[in-house]
């Protein structure tokens, strides 16, 4: 148990979401995996008619525990990450737990970014989902990797498919 049981009725157990945007400076080990995630950042020429957005799940290991427990630092980092991803921040909420840990949720025009931290373990779980063709959630992830000084990370990314009920409708980016 990492200090806060899942499903305990607190905000952390409810897995609040935070939207984050990161700077697009990639370590060499991520270059190969990211090349298949967003082959055309503008999506203008790629055939993604069946895609509504991108979802990134980021695991951060061996992070700076002081930064993981600093609510103000995390809020600032998330705000900068959202900007670097090209997303629009609508609202940012956060909560610091006792004795440690922070959960934050960034509500975006394009969807969300969330982070949950376990300073006692040097671990953070991040979720970034953006809709549309103008955002790059990987940039938000990279910013968080750097800001939290993660020694190791795992990024999983996939495109969200368009529901069949709206697949036949023509959609135009704004």
N, C-alpha and C. Protein backbone atom coordinates (compact mmCIF):
# COMPACT_ATOMS: atom_id res chain seq x y z
N UNK A 1 0.85 -1.17 0.00
CA UNK A 1 0.00 0.00 0.00
C UNK A 1 0.89 1.23 0.00
N UNK A 2 0.56 2.22 -0.80
CA UNK A 2 1.40 3.39 -0.94
C UNK A 2 0.88 4.58 -0.14
N UNK A 3 0.25 4.36 0.97
CA UNK A 3 -0.17 5.45 1.83
C UNK A 3 -1.63 5.82 1.69
N UNK A 4 -2.23 5.63 0.54
CA UNK A 4 -3.62 5.97 0.32
C UNK A 4 -4.28 4.82 -0.42
N UNK A 5 -5.20 4.11 0.21
CA UNK A 5 -5.84 2.98 -0.46
C UNK A 5 -6.76 3.44 -1.59
N UNK A 6 -6.71 2.73 -2.72
CA UNK A 6 -7.63 3.01 -3.81
C UNK A 6 -9.04 2.71 -3.35
N UNK A 7 -9.97 3.50 -3.79
CA UNK A 7 -11.37 3.28 -3.45
C UNK A 7 -11.69 3.64 -2.03
N UNK A 8 -10.85 4.46 -1.38
CA UNK A 8 -11.08 4.80 0.01
C UNK A 8 -12.05 5.96 0.17
N UNK A 9 -12.54 6.48 -0.94
CA UNK A 9 -13.51 7.57 -0.87
C UNK A 9 -12.87 8.94 -0.93
N UNK A 10 -11.55 9.04 -0.93
CA UNK A 10 -10.91 10.35 -1.04
C UNK A 10 -10.75 10.72 -2.50
N UNK A 11 -10.36 11.96 -2.75
CA UNK A 11 -10.22 12.43 -4.13
C UNK A 11 -9.16 11.65 -4.87
N UNK A 12 -8.08 11.28 -4.19
CA UNK A 12 -7.01 10.53 -4.86
C UNK A 12 -7.53 9.17 -5.30
N UNK A 13 -8.32 8.52 -4.45
CA UNK A 13 -8.89 7.23 -4.79
C UNK A 13 -9.85 7.31 -5.96
N UNK A 14 -10.47 8.46 -6.13
CA UNK A 14 -11.40 8.65 -7.24
C UNK A 14 -10.68 8.91 -8.55
N UNK A 15 -9.37 9.04 -8.48
CA UNK A 15 -8.54 9.22 -9.68
C UNK A 15 -8.94 10.45 -10.48
N UNK A 16 -8.86 11.60 -9.86
CA UNK A 16 -9.13 12.84 -10.58
C UNK A 16 -8.15 13.01 -11.72
N UNK A 17 -8.56 13.71 -12.76
CA UNK A 17 -7.72 13.89 -13.94
C UNK A 17 -7.08 15.26 -13.96
N UNK A 18 -5.88 15.33 -14.54
CA UNK A 18 -5.18 16.60 -14.74
C UNK A 18 -4.66 16.65 -16.15
N UNK A 19 -4.83 17.73 -16.81
CA UNK A 19 -4.32 17.84 -18.16
C UNK A 19 -2.98 18.52 -18.14
N UNK A 20 -2.01 17.92 -18.80
CA UNK A 20 -0.66 18.43 -18.79
C UNK A 20 -0.14 18.58 -20.21
N UNK A 21 0.71 19.56 -20.39
CA UNK A 21 1.35 19.73 -21.68
C UNK A 21 2.84 19.82 -21.45
N UNK A 22 3.63 19.20 -22.32
CA UNK A 22 5.06 19.12 -22.12
C UNK A 22 5.85 19.68 -23.28
N UNK A 23 7.06 20.08 -22.97
CA UNK A 23 8.00 20.55 -23.98
C UNK A 23 8.40 19.37 -24.85
N UNK A 24 8.56 19.58 -26.15
CA UNK A 24 8.85 18.51 -27.08
C UNK A 24 10.35 18.37 -27.27
N UNK A 25 11.04 17.90 -26.24
CA UNK A 25 12.46 17.57 -26.30
C UNK A 25 12.54 16.14 -25.82
N UNK A 26 12.85 15.22 -26.71
CA UNK A 26 12.73 13.82 -26.40
C UNK A 26 14.07 13.17 -26.09
N UNK A 27 14.10 12.33 -25.05
CA UNK A 27 15.31 11.54 -24.84
C UNK A 27 15.39 10.48 -25.94
N UNK A 28 16.60 10.02 -26.27
CA UNK A 28 16.76 9.07 -27.38
C UNK A 28 15.89 7.83 -27.26
N UNK A 29 15.67 7.31 -26.05
CA UNK A 29 14.89 6.08 -25.91
C UNK A 29 13.42 6.26 -26.29
N UNK A 30 12.93 7.52 -26.34
CA UNK A 30 11.53 7.76 -26.70
C UNK A 30 11.36 8.05 -28.18
N UNK A 31 12.40 8.41 -28.89
CA UNK A 31 12.28 8.81 -30.29
C UNK A 31 11.64 7.71 -31.12
N UNK A 32 12.10 6.48 -30.98
CA UNK A 32 11.56 5.39 -31.77
C UNK A 32 10.09 5.15 -31.47
N UNK A 33 9.71 5.14 -30.19
CA UNK A 33 8.32 4.87 -29.85
C UNK A 33 7.41 6.01 -30.25
N UNK A 34 7.89 7.25 -30.20
CA UNK A 34 7.04 8.37 -30.56
C UNK A 34 6.86 8.51 -32.06
N UNK A 35 7.75 7.97 -32.85
CA UNK A 35 7.64 8.12 -34.29
C UNK A 35 6.36 7.51 -34.82
N UNK A 36 5.79 6.55 -34.14
CA UNK A 36 4.56 5.94 -34.60
C UNK A 36 3.33 6.56 -33.94
N UNK A 37 3.53 7.46 -33.00
CA UNK A 37 2.39 8.02 -32.28
C UNK A 37 1.72 9.16 -33.02
N UNK A 38 2.48 10.01 -33.62
CA UNK A 38 1.92 11.19 -34.25
C UNK A 38 2.70 11.50 -35.52
N UNK A 39 2.57 10.65 -36.56
CA UNK A 39 3.38 10.80 -37.75
C UNK A 39 3.18 12.13 -38.45
N UNK A 40 2.03 12.74 -38.29
CA UNK A 40 1.76 14.03 -38.92
C UNK A 40 1.06 14.90 -37.88
N UNK A 41 1.80 15.75 -37.15
CA UNK A 41 1.20 16.52 -36.07
C UNK A 41 -0.02 17.31 -36.48
N UNK A 42 -0.08 17.80 -37.71
CA UNK A 42 -1.25 18.55 -38.15
C UNK A 42 -2.38 17.68 -38.65
N UNK A 43 -2.12 16.41 -38.91
CA UNK A 43 -3.08 15.45 -39.41
C UNK A 43 -3.68 15.87 -40.75
N UNK A 44 -3.16 16.92 -41.38
CA UNK A 44 -3.78 17.45 -42.60
C UNK A 44 -3.73 16.46 -43.75
N UNK A 45 -2.63 15.74 -43.90
CA UNK A 45 -2.53 14.83 -45.04
C UNK A 45 -2.71 13.37 -44.65
N UNK A 46 -2.67 13.07 -43.38
CA UNK A 46 -2.84 11.69 -42.94
C UNK A 46 -4.33 11.35 -42.92
N UNK A 47 -4.64 10.06 -43.08
CA UNK A 47 -6.02 9.62 -43.06
C UNK A 47 -6.41 9.21 -41.64
N UNK A 48 -6.90 10.18 -40.89
CA UNK A 48 -7.32 9.91 -39.51
C UNK A 48 -8.80 10.23 -39.34
N UNK A 49 -9.58 10.01 -40.39
CA UNK A 49 -11.00 10.33 -40.33
C UNK A 49 -11.71 9.53 -39.25
N UNK A 50 -11.13 8.39 -38.87
CA UNK A 50 -11.76 7.56 -37.86
C UNK A 50 -11.21 7.85 -36.46
N UNK A 51 -10.51 8.97 -36.30
CA UNK A 51 -9.87 9.30 -35.03
C UNK A 51 -10.44 10.59 -34.46
N UNK A 52 -10.79 10.58 -33.18
CA UNK A 52 -11.27 11.80 -32.53
C UNK A 52 -10.18 12.47 -31.70
N UNK A 53 -9.12 11.74 -31.36
CA UNK A 53 -8.06 12.34 -30.55
C UNK A 53 -7.01 11.33 -30.17
N UNK A 54 -6.05 11.80 -29.36
CA UNK A 54 -4.95 10.96 -28.89
C UNK A 54 -4.97 10.87 -27.38
N UNK A 55 -4.63 9.69 -26.88
CA UNK A 55 -4.61 9.45 -25.44
C UNK A 55 -3.23 8.94 -25.06
N UNK A 56 -2.60 9.61 -24.13
CA UNK A 56 -1.27 9.22 -23.63
C UNK A 56 -1.37 8.82 -22.17
N UNK A 57 -0.78 7.69 -21.84
CA UNK A 57 -0.67 7.22 -20.47
C UNK A 57 0.82 7.20 -20.16
N UNK A 58 1.21 7.94 -19.11
CA UNK A 58 2.62 8.10 -18.78
C UNK A 58 2.88 7.63 -17.35
N UNK A 59 3.85 6.75 -17.21
CA UNK A 59 4.31 6.28 -15.90
C UNK A 59 5.67 6.92 -15.65
N UNK A 60 5.83 7.59 -14.51
CA UNK A 60 7.10 8.23 -14.17
C UNK A 60 7.69 7.57 -12.94
N UNK A 61 8.96 7.15 -13.05
CA UNK A 61 9.63 6.44 -11.98
C UNK A 61 10.87 7.19 -11.51
N UNK A 62 11.20 7.02 -10.25
CA UNK A 62 12.40 7.61 -9.65
C UNK A 62 12.43 9.12 -9.86
N UNK A 63 11.30 9.76 -9.54
CA UNK A 63 11.18 11.21 -9.67
C UNK A 63 11.71 11.89 -8.41
N UNK A 64 11.92 13.20 -8.52
CA UNK A 64 12.31 14.02 -7.38
C UNK A 64 11.12 14.06 -6.41
N UNK A 65 11.25 13.46 -5.20
CA UNK A 65 10.11 13.39 -4.28
C UNK A 65 9.62 14.76 -3.80
N UNK A 66 10.53 15.73 -3.70
CA UNK A 66 10.10 17.07 -3.27
C UNK A 66 9.18 17.70 -4.31
N UNK A 67 9.50 17.51 -5.58
CA UNK A 67 8.65 18.06 -6.64
C UNK A 67 7.31 17.33 -6.71
N UNK A 68 7.31 16.03 -6.46
CA UNK A 68 6.07 15.26 -6.47
C UNK A 68 5.11 15.69 -5.36
N UNK A 69 5.65 16.29 -4.31
CA UNK A 69 4.84 16.68 -3.15
C UNK A 69 4.56 18.17 -3.10
N UNK A 70 4.99 18.91 -4.12
CA UNK A 70 4.86 20.37 -4.15
C UNK A 70 3.68 20.75 -5.06
N UNK A 71 2.54 21.02 -4.44
CA UNK A 71 1.32 21.32 -5.20
C UNK A 71 1.48 22.53 -6.11
N UNK A 72 2.10 23.61 -5.62
CA UNK A 72 2.28 24.81 -6.44
C UNK A 72 3.19 24.53 -7.64
N UNK A 73 4.26 23.77 -7.41
CA UNK A 73 5.17 23.41 -8.51
C UNK A 73 4.42 22.59 -9.56
N UNK A 74 3.64 21.62 -9.13
CA UNK A 74 2.90 20.77 -10.06
C UNK A 74 1.90 21.59 -10.87
N UNK A 75 1.21 22.53 -10.24
CA UNK A 75 0.25 23.37 -10.95
C UNK A 75 0.95 24.19 -12.04
N UNK A 76 2.10 24.73 -11.72
CA UNK A 76 2.87 25.50 -12.69
C UNK A 76 3.35 24.61 -13.84
N UNK A 77 3.86 23.44 -13.51
CA UNK A 77 4.36 22.51 -14.51
C UNK A 77 3.24 22.06 -15.45
N UNK A 78 2.09 21.78 -14.90
CA UNK A 78 0.94 21.36 -15.69
C UNK A 78 0.50 22.48 -16.65
N UNK A 79 0.45 23.69 -16.13
CA UNK A 79 0.05 24.83 -16.96
C UNK A 79 0.99 24.99 -18.14
N UNK A 80 2.29 24.89 -17.89
CA UNK A 80 3.28 25.01 -18.96
C UNK A 80 3.19 23.83 -19.93
N UNK A 81 2.92 22.66 -19.41
CA UNK A 81 2.80 21.47 -20.26
C UNK A 81 1.62 21.61 -21.22
N UNK A 82 0.51 22.11 -20.71
CA UNK A 82 -0.68 22.30 -21.54
C UNK A 82 -0.38 23.29 -22.68
N UNK A 83 0.29 24.37 -22.34
CA UNK A 83 0.65 25.36 -23.36
C UNK A 83 1.54 24.74 -24.43
N UNK A 84 2.53 23.96 -24.02
CA UNK A 84 3.46 23.37 -24.98
C UNK A 84 2.79 22.32 -25.86
N UNK A 85 1.72 21.72 -25.38
CA UNK A 85 0.98 20.74 -26.17
C UNK A 85 0.06 21.43 -27.17
N UNK A 86 -0.10 22.75 -27.04
CA UNK A 86 -0.99 23.47 -27.94
C UNK A 86 -2.44 23.37 -27.53
N UNK A 87 -2.70 23.06 -26.28
CA UNK A 87 -4.06 22.90 -25.78
C UNK A 87 -4.50 24.17 -25.03
N UNK A 88 -5.80 24.22 -24.71
CA UNK A 88 -6.38 25.37 -24.03
C UNK A 88 -6.85 24.97 -22.64
N UNK A 89 -6.24 25.57 -21.62
CA UNK A 89 -6.58 25.27 -20.23
C UNK A 89 -7.84 26.03 -19.84
N UNK A 90 -8.85 25.30 -19.39
CA UNK A 90 -10.09 25.91 -18.90
C UNK A 90 -10.08 26.06 -17.39
N UNK A 91 -9.63 25.01 -16.70
CA UNK A 91 -9.62 25.04 -15.24
C UNK A 91 -8.59 24.04 -14.73
N UNK A 92 -7.97 24.38 -13.61
CA UNK A 92 -6.98 23.50 -12.99
C UNK A 92 -7.34 23.36 -11.52
N UNK A 93 -7.56 22.12 -11.09
CA UNK A 93 -7.83 21.87 -9.68
C UNK A 93 -6.78 20.90 -9.16
N UNK A 94 -6.50 21.01 -7.87
CA UNK A 94 -5.49 20.12 -7.28
C UNK A 94 -5.78 19.94 -5.80
N UNK A 95 -5.19 18.90 -5.26
CA UNK A 95 -5.33 18.63 -3.83
C UNK A 95 -4.05 17.96 -3.32
N UNK A 96 -3.52 18.47 -2.20
CA UNK A 96 -2.37 17.86 -1.56
C UNK A 96 -2.88 17.01 -0.40
N UNK A 97 -2.40 15.78 -0.35
CA UNK A 97 -2.81 14.84 0.68
C UNK A 97 -1.85 14.87 1.86
N UNK A 98 -2.32 14.42 3.01
CA UNK A 98 -1.51 14.29 4.21
C UNK A 98 -1.31 12.81 4.46
N UNK A 99 -0.13 12.32 4.61
CA UNK A 99 1.10 13.08 4.83
C UNK A 99 1.81 13.51 3.56
N UNK A 100 1.49 12.94 2.40
CA UNK A 100 2.14 13.34 1.16
C UNK A 100 1.30 12.93 -0.04
N UNK A 101 1.64 13.50 -1.19
CA UNK A 101 0.98 13.16 -2.45
C UNK A 101 0.07 14.27 -2.94
N UNK A 102 -0.02 14.38 -4.24
CA UNK A 102 -0.84 15.41 -4.88
C UNK A 102 -1.60 14.77 -6.04
N UNK A 103 -2.85 15.17 -6.21
CA UNK A 103 -3.63 14.83 -7.38
C UNK A 103 -4.03 16.15 -8.02
N UNK A 104 -3.89 16.22 -9.34
CA UNK A 104 -4.27 17.45 -10.04
C UNK A 104 -4.99 17.07 -11.34
N UNK A 105 -5.89 17.94 -11.72
CA UNK A 105 -6.68 17.74 -12.94
C UNK A 105 -6.75 19.04 -13.71
N UNK A 106 -6.33 18.99 -14.96
CA UNK A 106 -6.46 20.15 -15.85
C UNK A 106 -7.59 19.84 -16.83
N UNK A 107 -8.61 20.64 -16.78
CA UNK A 107 -9.72 20.53 -17.72
C UNK A 107 -9.35 21.37 -18.93
N UNK A 108 -9.34 20.74 -20.09
CA UNK A 108 -8.95 21.41 -21.32
C UNK A 108 -10.13 21.54 -22.26
N UNK A 109 -10.07 22.52 -23.14
CA UNK A 109 -11.08 22.60 -24.20
C UNK A 109 -11.06 21.32 -25.01
N UNK A 110 -9.86 20.73 -25.14
CA UNK A 110 -9.66 19.54 -25.95
C UNK A 110 -9.88 18.24 -25.17
N UNK A 111 -9.93 18.26 -23.87
CA UNK A 111 -10.21 17.12 -22.99
C UNK A 111 -9.61 17.33 -21.61
N UNK A 112 -8.50 16.60 -21.27
CA UNK A 112 -7.99 16.69 -19.90
C UNK A 112 -6.54 16.24 -19.78
N UNK A 113 -5.95 16.56 -18.62
CA UNK A 113 -4.66 16.06 -18.20
C UNK A 113 -4.76 15.81 -16.70
N UNK A 114 -4.30 14.66 -16.25
CA UNK A 114 -4.34 14.38 -14.81
C UNK A 114 -3.01 13.83 -14.35
N UNK A 115 -2.73 14.04 -13.07
CA UNK A 115 -1.53 13.49 -12.46
C UNK A 115 -1.85 13.09 -11.02
N UNK A 116 -1.28 11.98 -10.61
CA UNK A 116 -1.40 11.48 -9.25
C UNK A 116 0.02 11.13 -8.81
N UNK A 117 0.44 11.63 -7.65
CA UNK A 117 1.83 11.43 -7.24
C UNK A 117 1.93 10.65 -5.93
N UNK A 118 3.01 9.89 -5.82
CA UNK A 118 3.36 9.14 -4.63
C UNK A 118 4.82 9.48 -4.31
N UNK A 119 5.06 10.61 -3.63
CA UNK A 119 6.44 11.02 -3.33
C UNK A 119 7.23 9.97 -2.58
N UNK A 120 6.58 9.24 -1.71
CA UNK A 120 7.27 8.22 -0.90
C UNK A 120 7.83 7.10 -1.76
N UNK A 121 7.33 6.98 -2.99
CA UNK A 121 7.80 5.95 -3.92
C UNK A 121 8.50 6.55 -5.14
N UNK A 122 8.54 7.87 -5.24
CA UNK A 122 9.15 8.52 -6.40
C UNK A 122 8.38 8.27 -7.69
N UNK A 123 7.08 8.06 -7.58
CA UNK A 123 6.25 7.63 -8.70
C UNK A 123 5.13 8.64 -8.99
N UNK A 124 4.81 8.81 -10.28
CA UNK A 124 3.66 9.62 -10.70
C UNK A 124 2.97 8.92 -11.87
N UNK A 125 1.64 8.97 -11.86
CA UNK A 125 0.82 8.44 -12.94
C UNK A 125 0.16 9.63 -13.64
N UNK A 126 0.31 9.69 -14.97
CA UNK A 126 -0.19 10.82 -15.76
C UNK A 126 -1.09 10.30 -16.88
N UNK A 127 -2.15 11.05 -17.15
CA UNK A 127 -3.09 10.72 -18.22
C UNK A 127 -3.35 12.01 -19.01
N UNK A 128 -3.12 11.98 -20.32
CA UNK A 128 -3.35 13.15 -21.16
C UNK A 128 -4.19 12.72 -22.36
N UNK A 129 -5.36 13.32 -22.52
CA UNK A 129 -6.22 13.04 -23.67
C UNK A 129 -6.55 14.35 -24.35
N UNK A 130 -6.29 14.44 -25.64
CA UNK A 130 -6.63 15.63 -26.40
C UNK A 130 -7.38 15.25 -27.67
N UNK A 131 -8.40 16.02 -27.97
CA UNK A 131 -9.17 15.84 -29.19
C UNK A 131 -8.73 16.90 -30.19
N UNK A 132 -8.98 16.62 -31.45
CA UNK A 132 -8.67 17.59 -32.48
C UNK A 132 -7.34 17.31 -33.14
N UNK A 133 -7.02 18.13 -34.13
CA UNK A 133 -5.83 17.89 -34.93
C UNK A 133 -4.72 18.91 -34.67
N UNK A 134 -4.87 19.76 -33.68
CA UNK A 134 -3.89 20.81 -33.45
C UNK A 134 -3.05 20.61 -32.19
N UNK A 135 -3.27 19.55 -31.45
CA UNK A 135 -2.55 19.34 -30.20
C UNK A 135 -1.58 18.17 -30.30
N UNK A 136 -0.58 18.20 -29.43
CA UNK A 136 0.41 17.11 -29.37
C UNK A 136 0.62 16.75 -27.90
N UNK A 137 -0.16 15.81 -27.38
CA UNK A 137 -0.06 15.45 -25.96
C UNK A 137 1.31 14.92 -25.56
N UNK A 138 2.07 14.41 -26.50
CA UNK A 138 3.43 13.91 -26.18
C UNK A 138 4.31 15.03 -25.66
N UNK A 139 4.07 16.24 -26.13
CA UNK A 139 4.86 17.38 -25.65
C UNK A 139 4.59 17.64 -24.18
N UNK A 140 3.35 17.47 -23.78
CA UNK A 140 3.01 17.64 -22.36
C UNK A 140 3.71 16.57 -21.53
N UNK A 141 3.72 15.36 -22.04
CA UNK A 141 4.38 14.27 -21.32
C UNK A 141 5.86 14.54 -21.16
N UNK A 142 6.49 14.99 -22.22
CA UNK A 142 7.93 15.26 -22.14
C UNK A 142 8.22 16.34 -21.12
N UNK A 143 7.39 17.36 -21.06
CA UNK A 143 7.59 18.44 -20.08
C UNK A 143 7.53 17.89 -18.66
N UNK A 144 6.59 17.02 -18.39
CA UNK A 144 6.45 16.44 -17.05
C UNK A 144 7.64 15.54 -16.71
N UNK A 145 8.11 14.78 -17.68
CA UNK A 145 9.29 13.93 -17.45
C UNK A 145 10.45 14.79 -16.97
N UNK A 146 10.66 15.91 -17.67
CA UNK A 146 11.77 16.79 -17.33
C UNK A 146 11.54 17.51 -16.00
N UNK A 147 10.36 18.09 -15.83
CA UNK A 147 10.09 18.87 -14.63
C UNK A 147 10.14 18.04 -13.35
N UNK A 148 9.69 16.78 -13.43
CA UNK A 148 9.68 15.92 -12.24
C UNK A 148 10.98 15.14 -12.10
N UNK A 149 11.90 15.37 -13.02
CA UNK A 149 13.23 14.75 -12.99
C UNK A 149 13.13 13.23 -12.89
N UNK A 150 12.28 12.67 -13.74
CA UNK A 150 12.09 11.21 -13.76
C UNK A 150 13.33 10.54 -14.33
N UNK A 151 13.87 9.58 -13.60
CA UNK A 151 15.03 8.82 -14.10
C UNK A 151 14.59 7.78 -15.12
N UNK A 152 13.31 7.39 -15.06
CA UNK A 152 12.79 6.39 -15.99
C UNK A 152 11.31 6.70 -16.23
N UNK A 153 10.84 6.34 -17.42
CA UNK A 153 9.43 6.59 -17.74
C UNK A 153 8.96 5.58 -18.77
N UNK A 154 7.64 5.44 -18.83
CA UNK A 154 7.01 4.58 -19.83
C UNK A 154 5.82 5.33 -20.40
N UNK A 155 5.82 5.55 -21.72
CA UNK A 155 4.75 6.27 -22.39
C UNK A 155 4.01 5.31 -23.32
N UNK A 156 2.69 5.22 -23.13
CA UNK A 156 1.83 4.46 -24.03
C UNK A 156 0.87 5.46 -24.65
N UNK A 157 0.71 5.39 -25.97
CA UNK A 157 -0.15 6.34 -26.65
C UNK A 157 -0.98 5.62 -27.70
N UNK A 158 -2.20 6.06 -27.85
CA UNK A 158 -3.05 5.48 -28.90
C UNK A 158 -4.07 6.51 -29.35
N UNK A 159 -4.59 6.31 -30.54
CA UNK A 159 -5.62 7.18 -31.09
C UNK A 159 -6.98 6.65 -30.64
N UNK A 160 -7.85 7.58 -30.27
CA UNK A 160 -9.23 7.22 -29.93
C UNK A 160 -10.05 7.18 -31.20
N UNK A 161 -10.75 6.09 -31.40
CA UNK A 161 -11.55 5.92 -32.61
C UNK A 161 -12.87 6.66 -32.51
N UNK A 162 -13.37 7.11 -33.66
CA UNK A 162 -14.65 7.79 -33.73
C UNK A 162 -15.77 6.78 -33.49
N UNK A 163 -16.72 7.10 -32.61
CA UNK A 163 -17.86 6.20 -32.41
C UNK A 163 -18.64 6.00 -33.71
N UNK A 164 -19.14 4.80 -33.93
CA UNK A 164 -19.88 4.48 -35.16
C UNK A 164 -21.06 5.41 -35.40
N UNK A 165 -21.69 5.88 -34.33
CA UNK A 165 -22.87 6.74 -34.47
C UNK A 165 -22.55 8.05 -35.17
N UNK A 166 -21.31 8.52 -35.09
CA UNK A 166 -20.96 9.78 -35.74
C UNK A 166 -19.92 9.60 -36.85
N UNK A 167 -19.50 8.37 -37.11
CA UNK A 167 -18.45 8.12 -38.08
C UNK A 167 -18.82 8.57 -39.49
N UNK A 168 -20.07 8.49 -39.85
CA UNK A 168 -20.50 8.85 -41.21
C UNK A 168 -20.64 10.36 -41.38
N UNK A 169 -20.68 11.11 -40.29
CA UNK A 169 -20.82 12.56 -40.38
C UNK A 169 -19.49 13.20 -40.75
N UNK A 170 -19.53 14.21 -41.59
CA UNK A 170 -18.31 14.92 -41.96
C UNK A 170 -17.91 15.83 -40.81
N UNK A 171 -16.63 15.74 -40.41
CA UNK A 171 -16.12 16.59 -39.33
C UNK A 171 -15.03 17.47 -39.90
N UNK A 172 -15.05 18.73 -39.54
CA UNK A 172 -14.04 19.66 -40.00
C UNK A 172 -13.33 20.28 -38.80
N UNK A 173 -11.99 20.33 -38.85
CA UNK A 173 -11.28 20.99 -37.76
C UNK A 173 -11.56 22.48 -37.79
N UNK A 174 -11.52 23.09 -36.60
CA UNK A 174 -11.75 24.52 -36.52
C UNK A 174 -10.51 25.29 -36.81
